[in-house]
Amino acid sequence: MSSNLEDLYREVILDHYRSPRNRGELEVPPATKTDGFNPLCGDEVTVYLQVDPETDTIVDIKIQGQGCSISQASTSMMSAAVKGQSVDEARKLIDATLVLYPDAGGPGLKRRYERLRSSIREI
């Protein structure tokens, strides 16, 4: 990875870590709630997802959790990416991320994406 790309990557991660998007809770129901925990490093993530049943669109998503900067930033980035998308588009995005970066962030990141995908699958 080039130096400029690495710098940009660091900036994006730090921005999402310092100012996470979609932080908070949603009322359950109508939202669904999924918890994730990585026992290897202690990262914790809770995802609240609200889908419009008529359009099958993710109308709101909120996240909570604690952990390393990569854990919290990646959760923020994925929540921003899927908000406003159809459930099918969100699944495809998460699947594409796992295919493109199967080892990125180690097994913890893959589990977080799989947890988010499973919460979307439950809809």
PDB file of N, CA and C in Angstrom:
ATOM      1  N   MET A   1       0.852  -1.177   0.000  1.00  0.00           N
ATOM      2  CA  MET A   1       0.000   0.000   0.000  1.00  0.00           C
ATOM      3  C   MET A   1       0.895   1.236   0.000  1.00  0.00           C
ATOM      4  N   SER A   2       0.560   2.203  -0.836  1.00  0.00           N
ATOM      5  CA  SER A   2       1.376   3.409  -0.911  1.00  0.00           C
ATOM      6  C   SER A   2       1.212   4.238   0.352  1.00  0.00           C
ATOM      7  N   SER A   3       2.199   5.093   0.574  1.00  0.00           N
ATOM      8  CA  SER A   3       2.194   5.937   1.769  1.00  0.00           C
ATOM      9  C   SER A   3       0.952   6.826   1.823  1.00  0.00           C
ATOM     10  N   ASN A   4       0.563   7.415   0.676  1.00  0.00           N
ATOM     11  CA  ASN A   4      -0.619   8.282   0.651  1.00  0.00           C
ATOM     12  C   ASN A   4      -1.885   7.502   0.978  1.00  0.00           C
ATOM     13  N   LEU A   5      -1.991   6.289   0.447  1.00  0.00           N
ATOM     14  CA  LEU A   5      -3.151   5.456   0.718  1.00  0.00           C
ATOM     15  C   LEU A   5      -3.189   5.034   2.181  1.00  0.00           C
ATOM     16  N   GLU A   6      -2.038   4.703   2.737  1.00  0.00           N
ATOM     17  CA  GLU A   6      -1.968   4.350   4.157  1.00  0.00           C
ATOM     18  C   GLU A   6      -2.371   5.532   5.026  1.00  0.00           C
ATOM     19  N   ASP A   7      -1.923   6.728   4.658  1.00  0.00           N
ATOM     20  CA  ASP A   7      -2.299   7.929   5.415  1.00  0.00           C
ATOM     21  C   ASP A   7      -3.800   8.163   5.348  1.00  0.00           C
ATOM     22  N   LEU A   8      -4.387   8.005   4.173  1.00  0.00           N
ATOM     23  CA  LEU A   8      -5.826   8.172   4.012  1.00  0.00           C
ATOM     24  C   LEU A   8      -6.582   7.138   4.851  1.00  0.00           C
ATOM     25  N   TYR A   9      -6.123   5.887   4.803  1.00  0.00           N
ATOM     26  CA  TYR A   9      -6.739   4.817   5.587  1.00  0.00           C
ATOM     27  C   TYR A   9      -6.723   5.182   7.073  1.00  0.00           C
ATOM     28  N   ARG A  10      -5.572   5.640   7.562  1.00  0.00           N
ATOM     29  CA  ARG A  10      -5.463   6.029   8.977  1.00  0.00           C
ATOM     30  C   ARG A  10      -6.409   7.179   9.308  1.00  0.00           C
ATOM     31  N   GLU A  11      -6.490   8.160   8.415  1.00  0.00           N
ATOM     32  CA  GLU A  11      -7.376   9.303   8.641  1.00  0.00           C
ATOM     33  C   GLU A  11      -8.837   8.871   8.732  1.00  0.00           C
ATOM     34  N   VAL A  12      -9.254   7.991   7.828  1.00  0.00           N
ATOM     35  CA  VAL A  12     -10.646   7.520   7.822  1.00  0.00           C
ATOM     36  C   VAL A  12     -10.934   6.730   9.099  1.00  0.00           C
ATOM     37  N   ILE A  13     -10.030   5.837   9.464  1.00  0.00           N
ATOM     38  CA  ILE A  13     -10.214   5.042  10.693  1.00  0.00           C
ATOM     39  C   ILE A  13     -10.296   5.965  11.903  1.00  0.00           C
ATOM     40  N   LEU A  14      -9.374   6.899  12.021  1.00  0.00           N
ATOM     41  CA  LEU A  14      -9.389   7.806  13.172  1.00  0.00           C
ATOM     42  C   LEU A  14     -10.636   8.686  13.186  1.00  0.00           C
ATOM     43  N   ASP A  15     -11.075   9.141  12.017  1.00  0.00           N
ATOM     44  CA  ASP A  15     -12.282   9.956  11.950  1.00  0.00           C
ATOM     45  C   ASP A  15     -13.492   9.170  12.466  1.00  0.00           C
ATOM     46  N   HIS A  16     -13.657   7.939  12.003  1.00  0.00           N
ATOM     47  CA  HIS A  16     -14.795   7.131  12.449  1.00  0.00           C
ATOM     48  C   HIS A  16     -14.656   6.718  13.909  1.00  0.00           C
ATOM     49  N   TYR A  17     -13.440   6.555  14.389  1.00  0.00           N
ATOM     50  CA  TYR A  17     -13.235   6.200  15.798  1.00  0.00           C
ATOM     51  C   TYR A  17     -13.551   7.395  16.696  1.00  0.00           C
ATOM     52  N   ARG A  18     -13.085   8.577  16.304  1.00  0.00           N
ATOM     53  CA  ARG A  18     -13.303   9.779  17.122  1.00  0.00           C
ATOM     54  C   ARG A  18     -14.735  10.293  17.038  1.00  0.00           C
ATOM     55  N   SER A  19     -15.355  10.129  15.875  1.00  0.00           N
ATOM     56  CA  SER A  19     -16.728  10.612  15.654  1.00  0.00           C
ATOM     57  C   SER A  19     -17.548   9.496  15.009  1.00  0.00           C
ATOM     58  N   PRO A  20     -17.875   8.475  15.791  1.00  0.00           N
ATOM     59  CA  PRO A  20     -18.599   7.341  15.196  1.00  0.00           C
ATOM     60  C   PRO A  20     -19.972   7.760  14.676  1.00  0.00           C
ATOM     61  N   ARG A  21     -20.312   7.213  13.534  1.00  0.00           N
ATOM     62  CA  ARG A  21     -21.611   7.472  12.938  1.00  0.00           C
ATOM     63  C   ARG A  21     -22.634   6.516  13.533  1.00  0.00           C
ATOM     64  N   ASN A  22     -23.862   6.975  13.614  1.00  0.00           N
ATOM     65  CA  ASN A  22     -25.000   6.125  14.017  1.00  0.00           C
ATOM     66  C   ASN A  22     -24.856   5.538  15.415  1.00  0.00           C
ATOM     67  N   ARG A  23     -24.246   6.278  16.322  1.00  0.00           N
ATOM     68  CA  ARG A  23     -24.071   5.815  17.698  1.00  0.00           C
ATOM     69  C   ARG A  23     -25.390   5.960  18.438  1.00  0.00           C
ATOM     70  N   GLY A  24     -25.779   4.964  19.219  1.00  0.00           N
ATOM     71  CA  GLY A  24     -26.985   5.059  20.030  1.00  0.00           C
ATOM     72  C   GLY A  24     -27.754   3.755  20.064  1.00  0.00           C
ATOM     73  N   GLU A  25     -29.028   3.876  20.418  1.00  0.00           N
ATOM     74  CA  GLU A  25     -29.922   2.726  20.517  1.00  0.00           C
ATOM     75  C   GLU A  25     -31.207   3.023  19.755  1.00  0.00           C
ATOM     76  N   LEU A  26     -31.889   1.952  19.363  1.00  0.00           N
ATOM     77  CA  LEU A  26     -33.229   2.048  18.799  1.00  0.00           C
ATOM     78  C   LEU A  26     -34.164   1.209  19.656  1.00  0.00           C
ATOM     79  N   GLU A  27     -35.417   1.593  19.686  1.00  0.00           N
ATOM     80  CA  GLU A  27     -36.411   0.842  20.448  1.00  0.00           C
ATOM     81  C   GLU A  27     -36.648  -0.524  19.803  1.00  0.00           C
ATOM     82  N   VAL A  28     -36.623  -1.547  20.654  1.00  0.00           N
ATOM     83  CA  VAL A  28     -36.833  -2.937  20.202  1.00  0.00           C
ATOM     84  C   VAL A  28     -38.144  -3.439  20.795  1.00  0.00           C
ATOM     85  N   PRO A  29     -39.076  -3.920  20.006  1.00  0.00           N
ATOM     86  CA  PRO A  29     -39.257  -3.640  18.594  1.00  0.00           C
ATOM     87  C   PRO A  29     -39.690  -2.197  18.405  1.00  0.00           C
ATOM     88  N   PRO A  30     -39.698  -1.662  17.240  1.00  0.00           N
ATOM     89  CA  PRO A  30     -39.704  -2.313  15.933  1.00  0.00           C
ATOM     90  C   PRO A  30     -38.315  -2.724  15.443  1.00  0.00           C
ATOM     91  N   ALA A  31     -37.242  -2.164  16.016  1.00  0.00           N
ATOM     92  CA  ALA A  31     -35.896  -2.540  15.573  1.00  0.00           C
ATOM     93  C   ALA A  31     -35.533  -3.922  16.107  1.00  0.00           C
ATOM     94  N   THR A  32     -34.531  -4.520  15.486  1.00  0.00           N
ATOM     95  CA  THR A  32     -33.954  -5.754  16.015  1.00  0.00           C
ATOM     96  C   THR A  32     -32.599  -5.407  16.611  1.00  0.00           C
ATOM     97  N   LYS A  33     -32.165  -6.231  17.554  1.00  0.00           N
ATOM     98  CA  LYS A  33     -30.909  -5.988  18.261  1.00  0.00           C
ATOM     99  C   LYS A  33     -30.053  -7.238  18.178  1.00  0.00           C
ATOM    100  N   THR A  34     -28.769  -7.051  17.861  1.00  0.00           N
ATOM    101  CA  THR A  34     -27.825  -8.159  17.816  1.00  0.00           C
ATOM    102  C   THR A  34     -26.562  -7.749  18.555  1.00  0.00           C
ATOM    103  N   ASP A  35     -26.084  -8.627  19.423  1.00  0.00           N
ATOM    104  CA  ASP A  35     -24.858  -8.375  20.185  1.00  0.00           C
ATOM    105  C   ASP A  35     -23.730  -9.234  19.645  1.00  0.00           C
ATOM    106  N   GLY A  36     -22.538  -8.667  19.624  1.00  0.00           N
ATOM    107  CA  GLY A  36     -21.356  -9.414  19.220  1.00  0.00           C
ATOM    108  C   GLY A  36     -20.231  -9.189  20.210  1.00  0.00           C
ATOM    109  N   PHE A  37     -19.472 -10.231  20.467  1.00  0.00           N
ATOM    110  CA  PHE A  37     -18.357 -10.153  21.409  1.00  0.00           C
ATOM    111  C   PHE A  37     -17.211 -10.993  20.868  1.00  0.00           C
ATOM    112  N   ASN A  38     -16.028 -10.422  20.850  1.00  0.00           N
ATOM    113  CA  ASN A  38     -14.839 -11.147  20.432  1.00  0.00           C
ATOM    114  C   ASN A  38     -14.059 -11.537  21.680  1.00  0.00           C
ATOM    115  N   PRO A  39     -14.092 -12.809  22.075  1.00  0.00           N
ATOM    116  CA  PRO A  39     -13.416 -13.228  23.307  1.00  0.00           C
ATOM    117  C   PRO A  39     -11.891 -13.146  23.218  1.00  0.00           C
ATOM    118  N   LEU A  40     -11.353 -13.072  22.006  1.00  0.00           N
ATOM    119  CA  LEU A  40      -9.902 -12.999  21.853  1.00  0.00           C
ATOM    120  C   LEU A  40      -9.335 -11.645  22.253  1.00  0.00           C
ATOM    121  N   CYS A  41     -10.099 -10.568  21.978  1.00  0.00           N
ATOM    122  CA  CYS A  41      -9.576  -9.234  22.272  1.00  0.00           C
ATOM    123  C   CYS A  41     -10.499  -8.402  23.165  1.00  0.00           C
ATOM    124  N   GLY A  42     -11.731  -8.871  23.384  1.00  0.00           N
ATOM    125  CA  GLY A  42     -12.660  -8.154  24.250  1.00  0.00           C
ATOM    126  C   GLY A  42     -13.533  -7.125  23.559  1.00  0.00           C
ATOM    127  N   ASP A  43     -13.431  -7.003  22.227  1.00  0.00           N
ATOM    128  CA  ASP A  43     -14.290  -6.059  21.510  1.00  0.00           C
ATOM    129  C   ASP A  43     -15.756  -6.452  21.676  1.00  0.00           C
ATOM    130  N   GLU A  44     -16.597  -5.442  21.894  1.00  0.00           N
ATOM    131  CA  GLU A  44     -18.038  -5.656  22.021  1.00  0.00           C
ATOM    132  C   GLU A  44     -18.766  -4.723  21.070  1.00  0.00           C
ATOM    133  N   VAL A  45     -19.774  -5.250  20.377  1.00  0.00           N
ATOM    134  CA  VAL A  45     -20.565  -4.458  19.442  1.00  0.00           C
ATOM    135  C   VAL A  45     -22.029  -4.856  19.587  1.00  0.00           C
ATOM    136  N   THR A  46     -22.897  -3.852  19.634  1.00  0.00           N
ATOM    137  CA  THR A  46     -24.335  -4.063  19.583  1.00  0.00           C
ATOM    138  C   THR A  46     -24.863  -3.293  18.383  1.00  0.00           C
ATOM    139  N   VAL A  47     -25.662  -3.970  17.567  1.00  0.00           N
ATOM    140  CA  VAL A  47     -26.232  -3.359  16.372  1.00  0.00           C
ATOM    141  C   VAL A  47     -27.753  -3.368  16.509  1.00  0.00           C
ATOM    142  N   TYR A  48     -28.357  -2.197  16.333  1.00  0.00           N
ATOM    143  CA  TYR A  48     -29.808  -2.046  16.277  1.00  0.00           C
ATOM    144  C   TYR A  48     -30.159  -1.734  14.829  1.00  0.00           C
ATOM    145  N   LEU A  49     -31.109  -2.464  14.285  1.00  0.00           N
ATOM    146  CA  LEU A  49     -31.441  -2.326  12.875  1.00  0.00           C
ATOM    147  C   LEU A  49     -32.943  -2.197  12.719  1.00  0.00           C
ATOM    148  N   GLN A  50     -33.371  -1.155  11.993  1.00  0.00           N
ATOM    149  CA  GLN A  50     -34.791  -0.970  11.715  1.00  0.00           C
ATOM    150  C   GLN A  50     -35.004  -0.959  10.212  1.00  0.00           C
ATOM    151  N   VAL A  51     -35.883  -1.839   9.748  1.00  0.00           N
ATOM    152  CA  VAL A  51     -36.152  -2.005   8.322  1.00  0.00           C
ATOM    153  C   VAL A  51     -37.610  -1.673   8.044  1.00  0.00           C
ATOM    154  N   ASP A  52     -37.835  -0.910   6.981  1.00  0.00           N
ATOM    155  CA  ASP A  52     -39.191  -0.620   6.529  1.00  0.00           C
ATOM    156  C   ASP A  52     -39.719  -1.880   5.839  1.00  0.00           C
ATOM    157  N   PRO A  53     -40.756  -2.508   6.395  1.00  0.00           N
ATOM    158  CA  PRO A  53     -41.237  -3.765   5.813  1.00  0.00           C
ATOM    159  C   PRO A  53     -41.848  -3.603   4.424  1.00  0.00           C
ATOM    160  N   GLU A  54     -42.309  -2.410   4.100  1.00  0.00           N
ATOM    161  CA  GLU A  54     -42.911  -2.193   2.781  1.00  0.00           C
ATOM    162  C   GLU A  54     -41.868  -2.071   1.676  1.00  0.00           C
ATOM    163  N   THR A  55     -40.736  -1.451   1.991  1.00  0.00           N
ATOM    164  CA  THR A  55     -39.702  -1.234   0.973  1.00  0.00           C
ATOM    165  C   THR A  55     -38.483  -2.124   1.169  1.00  0.00           C
ATOM    166  N   ASP A  56     -38.423  -2.832   2.300  1.00  0.00           N
ATOM    167  CA  ASP A  56     -37.285  -3.691   2.638  1.00  0.00           C
ATOM    168  C   ASP A  56     -35.983  -2.880   2.677  1.00  0.00           C
ATOM    169  N   THR A  57     -36.102  -1.633   3.158  1.00  0.00           N
ATOM    170  CA  THR A  57     -34.975  -0.716   3.232  1.00  0.00           C
ATOM    171  C   THR A  57     -34.573  -0.496   4.687  1.00  0.00           C
ATOM    172  N   ILE A  58     -33.273  -0.421   4.920  1.00  0.00           N
ATOM    173  CA  ILE A  58     -32.762  -0.121   6.260  1.00  0.00           C
ATOM    174  C   ILE A  58     -32.971   1.368   6.493  1.00  0.00           C
ATOM    175  N   VAL A  59     -33.964   1.689   7.318  1.00  0.00           N
ATOM    176  CA  VAL A  59     -34.294   3.094   7.554  1.00  0.00           C
ATOM    177  C   VAL A  59     -33.470   3.684   8.685  1.00  0.00           C
ATOM    178  N   ASP A  60     -33.005   2.832   9.591  1.00  0.00           N
ATOM    179  CA  ASP A  60     -32.148   3.329  10.660  1.00  0.00           C
ATOM    180  C   ASP A  60     -31.283   2.201  11.185  1.00  0.00           C
ATOM    181  N   ILE A  61     -30.114   2.578  11.640  1.00  0.00           N
ATOM    182  CA  ILE A  61     -29.180   1.637  12.251  1.00  0.00           C
ATOM    183  C   ILE A  61     -28.433   2.403  13.327  1.00  0.00           C
ATOM    184  N   LYS A  62     -28.298   1.798  14.473  1.00  0.00           N
ATOM    185  CA  LYS A  62     -27.540   2.389  15.576  1.00  0.00           C
ATOM    186  C   LYS A  62     -26.561   1.341  16.081  1.00  0.00           C
ATOM    187  N   ILE A  63     -25.440   1.829  16.563  1.00  0.00           N
ATOM    188  CA  ILE A  63     -24.408   0.939  17.079  1.00  0.00           C
ATOM    189  C   ILE A  63     -23.960   1.400  18.452  1.00  0.00           C
ATOM    190  N   GLN A  64     -23.519   0.443  19.239  1.00  0.00           N
ATOM    191  CA  GLN A  64     -22.907   0.704  20.534  1.00  0.00           C
ATOM    192  C   GLN A  64     -21.769  -0.291  20.680  1.00  0.00           C
ATOM    193  N   GLY A  65     -20.868  -0.011  21.578  1.00  0.00           N
ATOM    194  CA  GLY A  65     -19.821  -0.977  21.836  1.00  0.00           C
ATOM    195  C   GLY A  65     -18.577  -0.341  22.384  1.00  0.00           C
ATOM    196  N   GLN A  66     -17.620  -1.200  22.614  1.00  0.00           N
ATOM    197  CA  GLN A  66     -16.316  -0.757  23.075  1.00  0.00           C
ATOM    198  C   GLN A  66     -15.274  -1.715  22.530  1.00  0.00           C
ATOM    199  N   GLY A  67     -14.100  -1.186  22.329  1.00  0.00           N
ATOM    200  CA  GLY A  67     -13.023  -1.999  21.801  1.00  0.00           C
ATOM    201  C   GLY A  67     -11.982  -1.124  21.142  1.00  0.00           C
ATOM    202  N   CYS A  68     -11.135  -1.745  20.368  1.00  0.00           N
ATOM    203  CA  CYS A  68     -10.041  -1.031  19.720  1.00  0.00           C
ATOM    204  C   CYS A  68     -10.565  -0.073  18.654  1.00  0.00           C
ATOM    205  N   SER A  69      -9.689   0.795  18.187  1.00  0.00           N
ATOM    206  CA  SER A  69     -10.094   1.787  17.187  1.00  0.00           C
ATOM    207  C   SER A  69     -10.567   1.126  15.898  1.00  0.00           C
ATOM    208  N   ILE A  70      -9.927   0.044  15.483  1.00  0.00           N
ATOM    209  CA  ILE A  70     -10.340  -0.646  14.255  1.00  0.00           C
ATOM    210  C   ILE A  70     -11.733  -1.237  14.436  1.00  0.00           C
ATOM    211  N   SER A  71     -11.984  -1.842  15.574  1.00  0.00           N
ATOM    212  CA  SER A  71     -13.294  -2.432  15.858  1.00  0.00           C
ATOM    213  C   SER A  71     -14.392  -1.392  15.782  1.00  0.00           C
ATOM    214  N   GLN A  72     -14.217  -0.308  16.477  1.00  0.00           N
ATOM    215  CA  GLN A  72     -15.261   0.701  16.555  1.00  0.00           C
ATOM    216  C   GLN A  72     -15.394   1.478  15.244  1.00  0.00           C
ATOM    217  N   ALA A  73     -14.281   1.761  14.589  1.00  0.00           N
ATOM    218  CA  ALA A  73     -14.328   2.474  13.313  1.00  0.00           C
ATOM    219  C   ALA A  73     -14.974   1.620  12.232  1.00  0.00           C
ATOM    220  N   SER A  74     -14.647   0.334  12.179  1.00  0.00           N
ATOM    221  CA  SER A  74     -15.223  -0.517  11.133  1.00  0.00           C
ATOM    222  C   SER A  74     -16.725  -0.675  11.329  1.00  0.00           C
ATOM    223  N   THR A  75     -17.169  -0.722  12.571  1.00  0.00           N
ATOM    224  CA  THR A  75     -18.603  -0.800  12.837  1.00  0.00           C
ATOM    225  C   THR A  75     -19.296   0.482  12.381  1.00  0.00           C
ATOM    226  N   SER A  76     -18.679   1.623  12.675  1.00  0.00           N
ATOM    227  CA  SER A  76     -19.223   2.908  12.251  1.00  0.00           C
ATOM    228  C   SER A  76     -19.278   2.995  10.732  1.00  0.00           C
ATOM    229  N   MET A  77     -18.206   2.590  10.069  1.00  0.00           N
ATOM    230  CA  MET A  77     -18.139   2.660   8.609  1.00  0.00           C
ATOM    231  C   MET A  77     -19.197   1.768   7.961  1.00  0.00           C
ATOM    232  N   MET A  78     -19.352   0.562   8.475  1.00  0.00           N
ATOM    233  CA  MET A  78     -20.339  -0.341   7.890  1.00  0.00           C
ATOM    234  C   MET A  78     -21.759   0.167   8.149  1.00  0.00           C
ATOM    235  N   SER A  79     -22.003   0.728   9.333  1.00  0.00           N
ATOM    236  CA  SER A  79     -23.351   1.245   9.605  1.00  0.00           C
ATOM    237  C   SER A  79     -23.687   2.385   8.655  1.00  0.00           C
ATOM    238  N   ALA A  80     -22.720   3.245   8.367  1.00  0.00           N
ATOM    239  CA  ALA A  80     -22.947   4.346   7.435  1.00  0.00           C
ATOM    240  C   ALA A  80     -23.183   3.824   6.019  1.00  0.00           C
ATOM    241  N   ALA A  81     -22.495   2.752   5.672  1.00  0.00           N
ATOM    242  CA  ALA A  81     -22.610   2.207   4.318  1.00  0.00           C
ATOM    243  C   ALA A  81     -23.956   1.536   4.064  1.00  0.00           C
ATOM    244  N   VAL A  82     -24.538   0.897   5.079  1.00  0.00           N
ATOM    245  CA  VAL A  82     -25.782   0.147   4.849  1.00  0.00           C
ATOM    246  C   VAL A  82     -27.042   0.971   5.114  1.00  0.00           C
ATOM    247  N   LYS A  83     -26.923   2.065   5.840  1.00  0.00           N
ATOM    248  CA  LYS A  83     -28.096   2.890   6.144  1.00  0.00           C
ATOM    249  C   LYS A  83     -28.680   3.446   4.851  1.00  0.00           C
ATOM    250  N   GLY A  84     -29.974   3.243   4.666  1.00  0.00           N
ATOM    251  CA  GLY A  84     -30.660   3.703   3.466  1.00  0.00           C
ATOM    252  C   GLY A  84     -30.638   2.696   2.326  1.00  0.00           C
ATOM    253  N   GLN A  85     -29.914   1.608   2.491  1.00  0.00           N
ATOM    254  CA  GLN A  85     -29.825   0.565   1.466  1.00  0.00           C
ATOM    255  C   GLN A  85     -30.942  -0.457   1.666  1.00  0.00           C
ATOM    256  N   SER A  86     -31.250  -1.180   0.610  1.00  0.00           N
ATOM    257  CA  SER A  86     -32.181  -2.299   0.778  1.00  0.00           C
ATOM    258  C   SER A  86     -31.450  -3.403   1.539  1.00  0.00           C
ATOM    259  N   VAL A  87     -32.211  -4.279   2.146  1.00  0.00           N
ATOM    260  CA  VAL A  87     -31.615  -5.396   2.871  1.00  0.00           C
ATOM    261  C   VAL A  87     -30.738  -6.219   1.930  1.00  0.00           C
ATOM    262  N   ASP A  88     -31.202  -6.437   0.708  1.00  0.00           N
ATOM    263  CA  ASP A  88     -30.430  -7.206  -0.259  1.00  0.00           C
ATOM    264  C   ASP A  88     -29.114  -6.494  -0.607  1.00  0.00           C
ATOM    265  N   GLU A  89     -29.162  -5.186  -0.813  1.00  0.00           N
ATOM    266  CA  GLU A  89     -27.941  -4.428  -1.109  1.00  0.00           C
ATOM    267  C   GLU A  89     -26.966  -4.478   0.059  1.00  0.00           C
ATOM    268  N   ALA A  90     -27.487  -4.389   1.284  1.00  0.00           N
ATOM    269  CA  ALA A  90     -26.629  -4.453   2.470  1.00  0.00           C
ATOM    270  C   ALA A  90     -25.952  -5.819   2.578  1.00  0.00           C
ATOM    271  N   ARG A  91     -26.692  -6.870   2.313  1.00  0.00           N
ATOM    272  CA  ARG A  91     -26.098  -8.215   2.333  1.00  0.00           C
ATOM    273  C   ARG A  91     -24.980  -8.335   1.305  1.00  0.00           C
ATOM    274  N   LYS A  92     -25.239  -7.821   0.097  1.00  0.00           N
ATOM    275  CA  LYS A  92     -24.235  -7.892  -0.962  1.00  0.00           C
ATOM    276  C   LYS A  92     -22.987  -7.100  -0.587  1.00  0.00           C
ATOM    277  N   LEU A  93     -23.173  -5.933   0.014  1.00  0.00           N
ATOM    278  CA  LEU A  93     -22.039  -5.116   0.429  1.00  0.00           C
ATOM    279  C   LEU A  93     -21.204  -5.842   1.480  1.00  0.00           C
ATOM    280  N   ILE A  94     -21.861  -6.417   2.450  1.00  0.00           N
ATOM    281  CA  ILE A  94     -21.140  -7.135   3.503  1.00  0.00           C
ATOM    282  C   ILE A  94     -20.436  -8.357   2.932  1.00  0.00           C
ATOM    283  N   ASP A  95     -21.119  -9.086   2.065  1.00  0.00           N
ATOM    284  CA  ASP A  95     -20.490 -10.249   1.431  1.00  0.00           C
ATOM    285  C   ASP A  95     -19.278  -9.834   0.604  1.00  0.00           C
ATOM    286  N   ALA A  96     -19.406  -8.742  -0.161  1.00  0.00           N
ATOM    287  CA  ALA A  96     -18.291  -8.272  -0.990  1.00  0.00           C
ATOM    288  C   ALA A  96     -17.109  -7.858  -0.121  1.00  0.00           C
ATOM    289  N   THR A  97     -17.396  -7.237   1.009  1.00  0.00           N
ATOM    290  CA  THR A  97     -16.329  -6.832   1.923  1.00  0.00           C
ATOM    291  C   THR A  97     -15.591  -8.052   2.444  1.00  0.00           C
ATOM    292  N   LEU A  98     -16.328  -9.084   2.808  1.00  0.00           N
ATOM    293  CA  LEU A  98     -15.696 -10.305   3.312  1.00  0.00           C
ATOM    294  C   LEU A  98     -14.888 -11.009   2.233  1.00  0.00           C
ATOM    295  N   VAL A  99     -15.341 -10.949   0.985  1.00  0.00           N
ATOM    296  CA  VAL A  99     -14.598 -11.581  -0.112  1.00  0.00           C
ATOM    297  C   VAL A  99     -13.334 -10.783  -0.426  1.00  0.00           C
ATOM    298  N   LEU A 100     -13.460  -9.448  -0.483  1.00  0.00           N
ATOM    299  CA  LEU A 100     -12.311  -8.614  -0.822  1.00  0.00           C
ATOM    300  C   LEU A 100     -11.254  -8.592   0.271  1.00  0.00           C
ATOM    301  N   TYR A 101     -11.695  -8.641   1.514  1.00  0.00           N
ATOM    302  CA  TYR A 101     -10.768  -8.521   2.641  1.00  0.00           C
ATOM    303  C   TYR A 101     -10.982  -9.667   3.637  1.00  0.00           C
ATOM    304  N   PRO A 102     -10.764 -10.911   3.224  1.00  0.00           N
ATOM    305  CA  PRO A 102     -11.072 -12.034   4.109  1.00  0.00           C
ATOM    306  C   PRO A 102     -10.240 -12.053   5.391  1.00  0.00           C
ATOM    307  N   ASP A 103      -9.054 -11.474   5.354  1.00  0.00           N
ATOM    308  CA  ASP A 103      -8.195 -11.491   6.541  1.00  0.00           C
ATOM    309  C   ASP A 103      -7.985 -10.116   7.150  1.00  0.00           C
ATOM    310  N   ALA A 104      -8.648  -9.099   6.611  1.00  0.00           N
ATOM    311  CA  ALA A 104      -8.471  -7.741   7.121  1.00  0.00           C
ATOM    312  C   ALA A 104      -8.955  -7.658   8.559  1.00  0.00           C
ATOM    313  N   GLY A 105      -8.121  -7.143   9.410  1.00  0.00           N
ATOM    314  CA  GLY A 105      -8.501  -6.980  10.805  1.00  0.00           C
ATOM    315  C   GLY A 105      -8.552  -8.286  11.573  1.00  0.00           C
ATOM    316  N   GLY A 106      -8.127  -9.360  10.956  1.00  0.00           N
ATOM    317  CA  GLY A 106      -8.110 -10.651  11.635  1.00  0.00           C
ATOM    318  C   GLY A 106      -9.502 -11.228  11.787  1.00  0.00           C
ATOM    319  N   PRO A 107      -9.612 -12.297  12.550  1.00  0.00           N
ATOM    320  CA  PRO A 107     -10.907 -12.962  12.690  1.00  0.00           C
ATOM    321  C   PRO A 107     -11.964 -12.110  13.377  1.00  0.00           C
ATOM    322  N   GLY A 108     -11.545 -11.151  14.186  1.00  0.00           N
ATOM    323  CA  GLY A 108     -12.508 -10.302  14.874  1.00  0.00           C
ATOM    324  C   GLY A 108     -13.336  -9.463  13.918  1.00  0.00           C
ATOM    325  N   LEU A 109     -12.682  -8.872  12.902  1.00  0.00           N
ATOM    326  CA  LEU A 109     -13.401  -8.055  11.933  1.00  0.00           C
ATOM    327  C   LEU A 109     -14.368  -8.915  11.134  1.00  0.00           C
ATOM    328  N   LYS A 110     -13.918 -10.078  10.722  1.00  0.00           N
ATOM    329  CA  LYS A 110     -14.790 -10.971   9.955  1.00  0.00           C
ATOM    330  C   LYS A 110     -16.011 -11.346  10.790  1.00  0.00           C
ATOM    331  N   ARG A 111     -15.821 -11.618  12.059  1.00  0.00           N
ATOM    332  CA  ARG A 111     -16.964 -11.955  12.927  1.00  0.00           C
ATOM    333  C   ARG A 111     -17.928 -10.781  13.056  1.00  0.00           C
ATOM    334  N   ARG A 112     -17.386  -9.545  13.134  1.00  0.00           N
ATOM    335  CA  ARG A 112     -18.267  -8.371  13.245  1.00  0.00           C
ATOM    336  C   ARG A 112     -19.123  -8.229  11.992  1.00  0.00           C
ATOM    337  N   TYR A 113     -18.502  -8.373  10.819  1.00  0.00           N
ATOM    338  CA  TYR A 113     -19.269  -8.288   9.581  1.00  0.00           C
ATOM    339  C   TYR A 113     -20.287  -9.425   9.495  1.00  0.00           C
ATOM    340  N   GLU A 114     -19.896 -10.611   9.902  1.00  0.00           N
ATOM    341  CA  GLU A 114     -20.835 -11.728   9.873  1.00  0.00           C
ATOM    342  C   GLU A 114     -21.980 -11.498  10.853  1.00  0.00           C
ATOM    343  N   ARG A 115     -21.687 -10.902  11.995  1.00  0.00           N
ATOM    344  CA  ARG A 115     -22.727 -10.576  12.975  1.00  0.00           C
ATOM    345  C   ARG A 115     -23.699  -9.561  12.393  1.00  0.00           C
ATOM    346  N   LEU A 116     -23.162  -8.514  11.735  1.00  0.00           N
ATOM    347  CA  LEU A 116     -24.037  -7.518  11.110  1.00  0.00           C
ATOM    348  C   LEU A 116     -24.862  -8.171  10.014  1.00  0.00           C
ATOM    349  N   ARG A 117     -24.232  -9.029   9.213  1.00  0.00           N
ATOM    350  CA  ARG A 117     -24.962  -9.707   8.137  1.00  0.00           C
ATOM    351  C   ARG A 117     -26.056 -10.594   8.722  1.00  0.00           C
ATOM    352  N   SER A 118     -25.762 -11.297   9.826  1.00  0.00           N
ATOM    353  CA  SER A 118     -26.783 -12.170  10.414  1.00  0.00           C
ATOM    354  C   SER A 118     -27.948 -11.357  10.961  1.00  0.00           C
ATOM    355  N   SER A 119     -27.670 -10.160  11.499  1.00  0.00           N
ATOM    356  CA  SER A 119     -28.778  -9.333  11.998  1.00  0.00           C
ATOM    357  C   SER A 119     -29.635  -8.864  10.826  1.00  0.00           C
ATOM    358  N   ILE A 120     -29.009  -8.596   9.675  1.00  0.00           N
ATOM    359  CA  ILE A 120     -29.769  -8.203   8.499  1.00  0.00           C
ATOM    360  C   ILE A 120     -30.543  -9.416   7.962  1.00  0.00           C
ATOM    361  N   ARG A 121     -29.949 -10.590   8.023  1.00  0.00           N
ATOM    362  CA  ARG A 121     -30.599 -11.814   7.537  1.00  0.00           C
ATOM    363  C   ARG A 121     -31.858 -12.114   8.331  1.00  0.00           C
ATOM    364  N   GLU A 122     -31.886 -11.761   9.629  1.00  0.00           N
ATOM    365  CA  GLU A 122     -33.038 -12.057  10.476  1.00  0.00           C
ATOM    366  C   GLU A 122     -34.265 -11.249  10.091  1.00  0.00           C
ATOM    367  N   ILE A 123     -34.067 -10.205   9.301  1.00  0.00           N
ATOM    368  CA  ILE A 123     -35.186  -9.331   8.912  1.00  0.00           C
ATOM    369  C   ILE A 123     -36.075 -10.057   7.919  1.00  0.00           C
TER     370      ILE A 123
END
